[in-house]
Every structure is written in C-alpha cells, then in structure tokens.
C-alpha cells in the first residue's frame, strides 16, 4: 500500500489529455499505471502522457546549478515532489538515495522539488540542513511559490514523475511505496535510452507496515482544521484561535484523540505550550513522530508512555535519558521521532512540554 499526504481540498489533476479527480489522502495504487506489477514492466506497457513541464519558478538550488527538463534530453529524469517534515517523504529518501547512487552514473537524473507545506519549509537554510541530515546528494530545487508543483498539476507529498529520454512522462506514483515497480521502470527507461544497468536491483528495507498503523496524521493548527483537516482535539473547550487557554485535562481514553492540560496558545498552524502544559494521546502504531519547534536552546519535552517513563525499547531517535526520564530537546522546526517501539501496539502517550514548545502535527509509523 502507498501512503501520502494531500493538500487540503478536492483536487483535479490535468495535463495533456489526463483529468483525474481525488478526494482521499492515501492511495493504494499508482493510479497512472495501475495495471503494472513487479513482473510485467516493459516499455510497451508504459503509457506516454506527453511532454513533461519544465522546472520553473525555483527560488534556490542545492547540490546543483539550475536544471531543466528541456536540457536533459537523453537522460531519464525522476522528479520527486517532497517536503522535509513529511514522514512519507522521509521514508522514501533512502530509496531515492539508493537509486541515485546506483543509476546516477548511468543516465538517471533525480530532481527533488522541495515544495513547502509549512511556512518554515520556505527557508533555504532549513532545507539545506535537511538535505545534509538525510544524506541527499541529488539536486534539490526550492519550489517556494508552487510554480513547478502547479505546472505538473501535483497535489501530493510525495509524488514521483518518471520522464523518458525524449522528455515525456511515462510513469507517476503518488504517495510512498511501490519501490520495486518504480525501480523496474527506471531500469527499463534507462535500457531503452541506451544505458547499461547492473543485473541486480537495489534492496532497501521498507521499515514500516502500513496495515499495522491504526492512527492517522493529526494536525493541531486551528486554521488547518478550519480548512478541512479532522479535529482530533478531545477537550470540550476545543481550540481558542489566537489566544492562550488554560485546559482542565479530561479522561484521556479515546483512541486517536488529543487531550490538552494546562495552558496552550492556539496558532493557525500549531499549538504552543505556555504554562504547566501537558498533552495525552492514545494511539495505535510502532513509531510516533511530531513536527515541532522550540523557542530557544532550552525548550524540551518529557515523553512518557502508559503512565511510566520510556524504557530503552521505546526510545525514539531524538530522545535522551536524563535522570531516568526520556527528554527531547526541541530546536529547529522539523520532524522529531519521540517513540520507536519494537512492535506495533496501542499505547497512551504523555508529553510534558516546556514553555515555547510548538507542535504542528503527529505522524506515525
């Protein structure tokens, strides 16, 4: 199964003779080539969707001088729409890195089009830090004004558009997953363009079982909810836009519901800890991630699970143990992994937040 996130609202994709309407945020097939399977990829059953739009309106490049589709004739090009706080995009990066390492010298060009979801993702230095943190060596273009996104009629993070040596789109995948088939399409397009490919394919572990994840992505900003996101706040008081509110913590028993205690300020895209701020969430997954930021170097959170301190087997990659408790130092705006279990299950998460802790979303793995 492939998972991804979609910009809020009903989406119509149009380029060439294609018009497809979607209302969901998770896709189970690569809809452009839904008949393909890992065993029947060949040039003859790859449809031709016409010329690929150029890369346009870019505010900055990383790892490359400016590139364009028109100057890459003879190469196979993979255009990847992503953003650095998106867990679906992050889980794809090891596969993209492996493909670039294996086939980049044999005619494959990958262009990561960084199209921001949150305001902080417009910042060049933030994207540069993410590129370095994830070990990305292929070119990355900052599409801050959604110019290339709109040219492709795209609405999903992540989304991959595979372009043949003649500059035509031949394969599209919306959402993460389907890596074996995508790699076979890459290899087929490279061979048809006259390049040699190794006899073996790359082998990157998936690391996630979508069928075991019982909790969706959760947005906390009042404007996000007003725009059509599901409201996961369980307090009867709800959010109080553009003001701080002192919450009385209710019984935190409902699955996939966020309960607030203490004082929280409600911003358009997030909520911010003010005083005695705590948060409870009963979830079903293996990993818990948050998109968050801090207010200065000393912002931190304490993470507990099922009413107890985290044990070693549940520590996220951003946790550290201090005096027996799991603490996460929250700094730049990015995704933080705060729980990483050995197996899938249902748990109650507790976050004790320092003043200035700002949380945008929960995501799960």
Protein backbone atom coordinates (compact mmCIF):
# COMPACT_ATOMS: atom_id res chain seq x y z
CA UNK A 1 0.00 0.00 0.00
CA UNK A 2 1.17 3.52 -0.74
CA UNK A 3 0.61 6.37 1.65
CA UNK A 4 0.91 10.09 1.12
CA UNK A 5 -0.49 13.43 2.13
CA UNK A 6 -2.58 15.76 0.02
CA UNK A 7 -3.09 19.48 0.09
CA UNK A 8 -6.44 20.30 1.67
CA UNK A 9 -9.39 20.37 -0.72
CA UNK A 10 -10.68 18.41 -3.69
CA UNK A 11 -8.05 18.08 -6.33
CA UNK A 12 -8.27 17.88 -10.12
CA UNK A 13 -5.15 16.77 -11.96
CA UNK A 14 -4.92 17.96 -15.53
CA UNK A 15 -2.12 17.88 -18.03
CA UNK A 16 -2.27 16.71 -21.60
CA UNK A 17 -5.39 14.61 -22.03
CA UNK A 18 -5.50 13.42 -18.42
CA UNK A 19 -8.12 14.54 -15.93
CA UNK A 20 -8.42 12.70 -12.62
CA UNK A 21 -10.36 13.77 -9.51
CA UNK A 22 -9.30 12.69 -6.00
CA UNK A 23 -10.67 13.40 -2.56
CA UNK A 24 -8.62 10.97 -0.46
CA UNK A 25 -5.22 11.42 1.12
CA UNK A 26 -3.97 7.82 0.94
CA UNK A 27 -3.60 5.88 -2.27
CA UNK A 28 -3.37 2.10 -2.60
CA UNK A 29 -2.21 2.08 -6.24
CA UNK A 30 -0.01 4.05 -8.58
CA UNK A 31 -3.08 5.16 -10.47
CA UNK A 32 -1.41 6.28 -13.67
CA UNK A 33 -0.11 2.78 -14.30
CA UNK A 34 -2.40 0.70 -12.14
CA UNK A 35 -2.03 -2.33 -14.42
CA UNK A 36 1.73 -2.57 -13.83
CA UNK A 37 3.08 -5.11 -11.41
CA UNK A 38 6.62 -6.04 -10.50
CA UNK A 39 6.54 -8.77 -13.13
CA UNK A 40 5.26 -7.01 -16.26
CA UNK A 41 7.19 -3.76 -16.58
CA UNK A 42 8.26 -3.13 -20.17
CA UNK A 43 8.40 -0.14 -22.46
CA UNK A 44 5.39 -1.46 -24.37
CA UNK A 45 3.06 -1.20 -21.37
CA UNK A 46 4.26 2.20 -20.17
CA UNK A 47 1.82 4.82 -21.36
CA UNK A 48 3.08 8.11 -22.76
CA UNK A 49 1.45 11.10 -21.07
CA UNK A 50 3.14 13.73 -23.18
CA UNK A 51 5.92 16.28 -22.60
CA UNK A 52 6.96 16.92 -19.02
CA UNK A 53 6.66 20.53 -17.84
CA UNK A 54 9.93 22.32 -17.16
CA UNK A 55 11.23 23.02 -13.68
CA UNK A 56 10.15 26.63 -13.12
CA UNK A 57 9.85 29.44 -10.58
CA UNK A 58 12.60 28.00 -8.39
CA UNK A 59 13.92 30.21 -5.58
CA UNK A 60 17.13 28.26 -4.97
CA UNK A 61 19.07 25.10 -5.77
CA UNK A 62 21.04 22.69 -3.59
CA UNK A 63 23.66 20.24 -4.90
CA UNK A 64 23.35 21.61 -8.44
CA UNK A 65 23.24 24.54 -10.78
CA UNK A 66 19.73 25.19 -12.17
CA UNK A 67 18.41 22.30 -14.25
CA UNK A 68 15.54 21.97 -16.65
CA UNK A 69 13.81 19.10 -18.35
CA UNK A 70 14.46 20.54 -21.81
CA UNK A 71 18.24 20.41 -21.26
CA UNK A 72 18.17 16.80 -20.03
CA UNK A 73 17.16 15.08 -23.27
CA UNK A 74 18.84 11.70 -23.48
CA UNK A 75 18.65 11.24 -19.72
CA UNK A 76 15.98 9.52 -17.63
CA UNK A 77 14.64 12.02 -15.09
CA UNK A 78 12.81 11.36 -11.84
CA UNK A 79 11.06 14.46 -10.47
CA UNK A 80 10.27 13.94 -6.80
CA UNK A 81 7.93 16.37 -5.03
CA UNK A 82 8.71 16.33 -1.31
CA UNK A 83 8.99 18.45 1.80
CA UNK A 84 11.39 17.81 4.65
CA UNK A 85 8.92 17.50 7.56
CA UNK A 86 6.71 14.94 5.76
CA UNK A 87 7.20 11.43 7.18
CA UNK A 88 6.00 9.83 3.94
CA UNK A 89 8.67 11.78 2.06
CA UNK A 90 11.35 10.99 4.63
CA UNK A 91 10.68 7.25 4.35
CA UNK A 92 11.18 7.49 0.57
CA UNK A 93 14.57 9.18 0.75
CA UNK A 94 16.66 6.01 1.35
CA UNK A 95 15.20 4.54 -1.85
CA UNK A 96 15.90 7.73 -3.83
CA UNK A 97 19.44 7.85 -2.43
CA UNK A 98 19.99 4.23 -3.42
CA UNK A 99 18.70 4.80 -6.96
CA UNK A 100 20.84 7.89 -7.39
CA UNK A 101 23.90 6.03 -6.15
CA UNK A 102 23.24 3.03 -8.40
CA UNK A 103 21.97 4.65 -11.58
CA UNK A 104 23.10 8.28 -11.38
CA UNK A 105 26.26 7.45 -13.30
CA UNK A 106 24.23 5.53 -15.91
CA UNK A 107 21.84 8.23 -17.12
CA UNK A 108 19.40 8.77 -14.22
CA UNK A 109 18.86 12.33 -13.00
CA UNK A 110 16.83 12.84 -9.82
CA UNK A 111 15.47 16.30 -9.04
CA UNK A 112 13.96 16.70 -5.59
CA UNK A 113 11.42 19.52 -5.81
CA UNK A 114 11.06 20.84 -2.27
CA UNK A 115 7.54 22.29 -2.10
CA UNK A 116 6.73 23.57 1.42
CA UNK A 117 3.72 22.59 3.47
CA UNK A 118 4.57 24.85 6.43
CA UNK A 119 5.99 28.36 6.40
CA UNK A 120 9.31 27.28 7.96
CA UNK A 121 9.95 24.99 4.98
CA UNK A 122 10.39 28.02 2.72
CA UNK A 123 13.69 28.76 4.45
CA UNK A 124 16.72 27.81 2.34
CA UNK A 125 18.96 27.03 5.33
CA UNK A 126 16.29 24.76 6.84
CA UNK A 127 16.04 22.78 3.60
CA UNK A 128 19.84 22.68 3.30
CA UNK A 129 20.11 21.28 6.85
CA UNK A 130 17.55 18.60 5.97
CA UNK A 131 19.37 17.68 2.75
CA UNK A 132 22.56 17.19 4.72
CA UNK A 133 20.81 15.33 7.56
CA UNK A 134 19.21 12.86 5.14
CA UNK A 135 22.39 12.39 3.08
CA UNK A 136 20.79 13.64 -0.15
CA UNK A 137 23.33 14.15 -2.95
CA UNK A 138 20.99 14.59 -5.92
CA UNK A 139 19.84 18.09 -7.00
CA UNK A 140 17.15 19.77 -4.89
CA UNK A 141 15.07 22.71 -6.14
CA UNK A 142 13.14 25.01 -3.78
CA UNK A 143 9.68 25.46 -5.27
CA UNK A 144 8.53 28.01 -2.68
CA UNK A 145 5.87 29.57 -4.90
CA UNK A 146 4.43 26.23 -6.07
CA UNK A 147 5.32 27.10 -9.67
CA UNK A 148 6.62 23.67 -10.67
CA UNK A 149 4.04 21.94 -8.44
CA UNK A 150 1.27 23.76 -10.31
CA UNK A 151 2.88 23.14 -13.71
CA UNK A 152 2.69 19.40 -13.01
CA UNK A 153 -0.82 19.68 -11.55
CA UNK A 154 0.52 17.94 -8.47
CA UNK A 155 -1.25 17.81 -5.10
CA UNK A 156 0.58 15.10 -3.12
CA UNK A 157 3.66 14.67 -0.96
CA UNK A 158 5.48 12.61 -2.04
CA UNK A 159 4.92 12.28 -5.79
CA UNK A 160 7.28 10.83 -8.40
CA UNK A 161 7.17 11.62 -12.13
CA UNK A 162 9.41 9.46 -14.32
CA UNK A 163 10.43 11.09 -17.60
CA UNK A 164 12.00 9.25 -20.54
CA UNK A 165 14.96 10.30 -22.66
CA UNK A 166 12.63 12.13 -25.06
CA UNK A 167 11.22 14.29 -22.26
CA UNK A 168 7.85 12.53 -21.93
CA UNK A 169 6.20 11.48 -18.67
CA UNK A 170 5.93 7.69 -18.62
CA UNK A 171 5.13 6.76 -15.02
CA UNK A 172 3.71 8.52 -11.94
CA UNK A 173 3.42 7.38 -8.33
CA UNK A 174 1.53 9.43 -5.75
CA UNK A 175 2.38 8.54 -2.17
CA UNK A 176 5.14 6.37 -0.78
CA UNK A 177 5.59 2.73 -1.72
CA UNK A 178 5.72 0.64 -4.89
CA UNK A 179 9.50 0.88 -4.91
CA UNK A 180 10.21 -2.38 -6.73
CA UNK A 181 7.99 -1.44 -9.65
CA UNK A 182 9.31 2.12 -9.78
CA UNK A 183 12.88 0.82 -9.91
CA UNK A 184 11.99 -1.58 -12.71
CA UNK A 185 10.51 1.32 -14.67
CA UNK A 186 13.74 3.29 -14.11
CA UNK A 187 15.78 0.37 -15.40
CA UNK A 188 13.51 -0.13 -18.41
CA UNK A 189 13.70 3.53 -19.37
CA UNK A 190 17.49 3.55 -18.96
CA UNK A 191 17.92 0.49 -21.18
CA UNK A 192 15.62 1.95 -23.83
CA UNK A 193 17.76 5.11 -23.78
CA UNK A 194 20.89 3.06 -24.46
CA UNK A 195 22.35 2.86 -20.97
CA UNK A 196 23.65 -0.27 -19.29
CA UNK A 197 22.21 -1.26 -15.93
CA UNK A 198 23.55 -3.81 -13.44
CA UNK A 199 21.94 -7.24 -13.27
CA UNK A 200 20.81 -6.64 -9.67
CA UNK A 201 18.39 -4.12 -8.20
CA UNK A 202 18.82 -2.10 -5.02
CA UNK A 203 17.43 -3.58 -1.83
CA UNK A 204 16.31 -1.03 0.77
CA UNK A 205 14.16 -2.32 3.68
CA UNK A 206 10.69 -0.80 3.93
CA UNK A 207 10.79 -0.27 7.69
CA UNK A 208 7.02 0.22 8.03
CA UNK A 209 3.92 -1.94 7.78
CA UNK A 210 1.04 0.31 6.76
CA UNK A 211 -1.61 -2.27 7.65
CA UNK A 212 -0.48 -2.19 11.30
CA UNK A 213 -0.75 1.59 11.72
CA UNK A 214 -4.07 2.46 13.32
CA UNK A 215 -3.55 6.21 13.77
CA UNK A 216 -3.71 8.90 11.08
CA UNK A 217 -1.68 12.05 10.69
CA UNK A 218 -3.05 14.69 13.07
CA UNK A 219 -2.84 18.46 12.54
CA UNK A 220 -3.18 20.81 15.52
CA UNK A 221 -3.48 24.28 13.99
CA UNK A 222 -6.93 25.88 14.11
CA UNK A 223 -6.61 27.14 10.54
CA UNK A 224 -5.66 23.67 9.33
CA UNK A 225 -8.79 22.27 10.99
CA UNK A 226 -10.95 25.08 9.57
CA UNK A 227 -9.56 24.28 6.11
CA UNK A 228 -10.84 20.72 6.27
CA UNK A 229 -8.47 18.72 8.46
CA UNK A 230 -10.07 16.41 11.02
CA UNK A 231 -10.32 17.92 14.51
CA UNK A 232 -8.61 15.45 16.85
CA UNK A 233 -8.77 17.68 19.95
CA UNK A 234 -10.76 15.86 22.67
CA UNK A 235 -11.25 18.74 25.13
CA UNK A 236 -14.80 20.02 25.25
CA UNK A 237 -13.43 23.58 25.13
CA UNK A 238 -11.74 22.93 21.79
CA UNK A 239 -9.17 25.35 20.37
CA UNK A 240 -9.28 29.09 21.07
CA UNK A 241 -7.82 30.79 17.97
CA UNK A 242 -5.05 33.29 18.61
CA UNK A 243 -5.25 33.13 22.37
CA UNK A 244 -3.97 31.09 25.30
CA UNK A 245 -6.41 28.90 27.22
CA UNK A 246 -5.94 27.01 30.47
CA UNK A 247 -7.28 23.49 29.90
CA UNK A 248 -8.53 21.05 32.51
CA UNK A 249 -7.34 17.62 31.48
CA UNK A 250 -10.25 15.21 30.85
CA UNK A 251 -10.12 11.41 30.92
CA UNK A 252 -7.75 10.59 28.05
CA UNK A 253 -9.31 7.32 26.93
CA UNK A 254 -10.49 7.73 23.31
CA UNK A 255 -8.24 6.32 20.59
CA UNK A 256 -6.74 8.86 18.19
CA UNK A 257 -7.78 11.82 20.29
CA UNK A 258 -5.52 14.59 21.65
CA UNK A 259 -6.22 15.82 25.19
CA UNK A 260 -4.70 19.06 26.48
CA UNK A 261 -3.95 20.09 30.03
CA UNK A 262 -2.54 23.38 31.32
CA UNK A 263 -2.10 26.46 29.20
CA UNK A 264 -1.76 26.25 25.40
CA UNK A 265 -1.78 29.02 22.81
CA UNK A 266 -3.67 28.20 19.60
CA UNK A 267 -1.92 29.39 16.42
CA UNK A 268 -3.14 28.98 12.82
CA UNK A 269 -0.80 26.05 12.08
CA UNK A 270 0.14 24.75 15.55
CA UNK A 271 -0.33 25.00 19.31
CA UNK A 272 2.28 26.39 21.69
CA UNK A 273 2.97 25.43 25.31
CA UNK A 274 2.57 28.31 27.78
CA UNK A 275 2.39 27.06 31.37
CA UNK A 276 2.01 23.63 33.06
CA UNK A 277 1.35 22.33 29.54
CA UNK A 278 0.73 18.61 29.07
CA UNK A 279 -0.73 16.55 26.28
CA UNK A 280 -2.11 12.99 26.14
CA UNK A 281 -2.76 10.88 23.06
CA UNK A 282 -3.91 7.26 22.80
CA UNK A 283 -2.57 5.91 19.51
CA UNK A 284 -2.00 2.66 17.62
CA UNK A 285 1.36 2.34 15.85
CA UNK A 286 5.01 1.45 16.38
CA UNK A 287 6.65 4.87 15.97
CA UNK A 288 5.43 8.32 17.00
CA UNK A 289 6.78 11.43 15.28
CA UNK A 290 5.99 15.08 15.78
CA UNK A 291 6.64 18.10 13.61
CA UNK A 292 7.69 20.66 16.17
CA UNK A 293 9.97 23.55 17.03
CA UNK A 294 11.35 25.18 20.15
CA UNK A 295 11.76 28.68 21.48
CA UNK A 296 15.48 28.92 22.08
CA UNK A 297 18.05 26.33 23.08
CA UNK A 298 16.39 25.25 26.33
CA UNK A 299 12.98 24.14 25.06
CA UNK A 300 12.44 20.47 25.89
CA UNK A 301 9.72 17.91 26.40
CA UNK A 302 9.44 14.86 28.63
CA UNK A 303 7.93 11.81 26.93
CA UNK A 304 6.13 9.06 28.85
CA UNK A 305 4.17 6.00 27.75
CA UNK A 306 1.28 4.29 29.51
CA UNK A 307 1.87 6.33 32.64
CA UNK A 308 5.55 5.38 33.00
CA UNK A 309 8.95 6.59 31.88
CA UNK A 310 10.10 5.32 28.49
CA UNK A 311 12.26 2.22 28.61
CA UNK A 312 15.15 1.63 26.25
CA UNK A 313 12.99 -0.43 23.90
CA UNK A 314 10.69 2.52 23.23
CA UNK A 315 13.17 5.39 22.91
CA UNK A 316 12.84 7.48 19.77
CA UNK A 317 15.90 8.55 17.84
CA UNK A 318 15.59 12.09 19.23
CA UNK A 319 15.19 11.01 22.87
CA UNK A 320 17.86 11.05 25.54
CA UNK A 321 17.60 9.71 29.09
CA UNK A 322 18.04 12.31 31.84
CA UNK A 323 17.55 11.29 35.47
CA UNK A 324 15.53 8.27 34.37
CA UNK A 325 13.16 10.15 32.07
CA UNK A 326 13.07 10.47 28.29
CA UNK A 327 13.76 14.06 27.26
CA UNK A 328 13.70 15.54 23.76
CA UNK A 329 15.48 18.82 23.10
CA UNK A 330 13.31 20.68 20.61
CA UNK A 331 15.13 23.19 18.44
CA UNK A 332 14.71 23.91 14.70
CA UNK A 333 11.37 23.24 13.01
CA UNK A 334 11.48 19.64 11.78
CA UNK A 335 10.18 16.15 12.38
CA UNK A 336 11.25 14.55 15.68
CA UNK A 337 10.97 10.82 16.41
CA UNK A 338 9.86 10.56 20.06
CA UNK A 339 8.76 6.90 20.34
CA UNK A 340 10.19 3.93 18.48
CA UNK A 341 8.92 0.54 19.67
CA UNK A 342 9.97 -2.95 18.65
CA UNK A 343 6.45 -3.89 17.57
CA UNK A 344 3.08 -2.33 16.77
CA UNK A 345 0.61 -1.74 19.55
CA UNK A 346 -1.81 0.64 21.26
CA UNK A 347 -0.41 2.99 23.91
CA UNK A 348 -1.13 6.23 25.72
CA UNK A 349 1.47 8.91 25.05
CA UNK A 350 2.12 11.72 27.52
CA UNK A 351 4.10 14.87 26.69
CA UNK A 352 5.14 17.34 29.39
CA UNK A 353 6.05 20.46 27.46
CA UNK A 354 8.42 23.29 28.32
CA UNK A 355 7.29 26.82 27.60
CA UNK A 356 7.69 27.66 23.90
CA UNK A 357 7.29 24.09 22.64
CA UNK A 358 5.36 24.33 19.38
CA UNK A 359 3.76 21.30 17.76
CA UNK A 360 2.27 21.20 14.27
CA UNK A 361 1.41 17.54 13.64
CA UNK A 362 1.63 13.96 14.87
CA UNK A 363 2.61 11.27 12.38
CA UNK A 364 3.03 7.52 12.89
CA UNK A 365 5.00 4.60 11.60
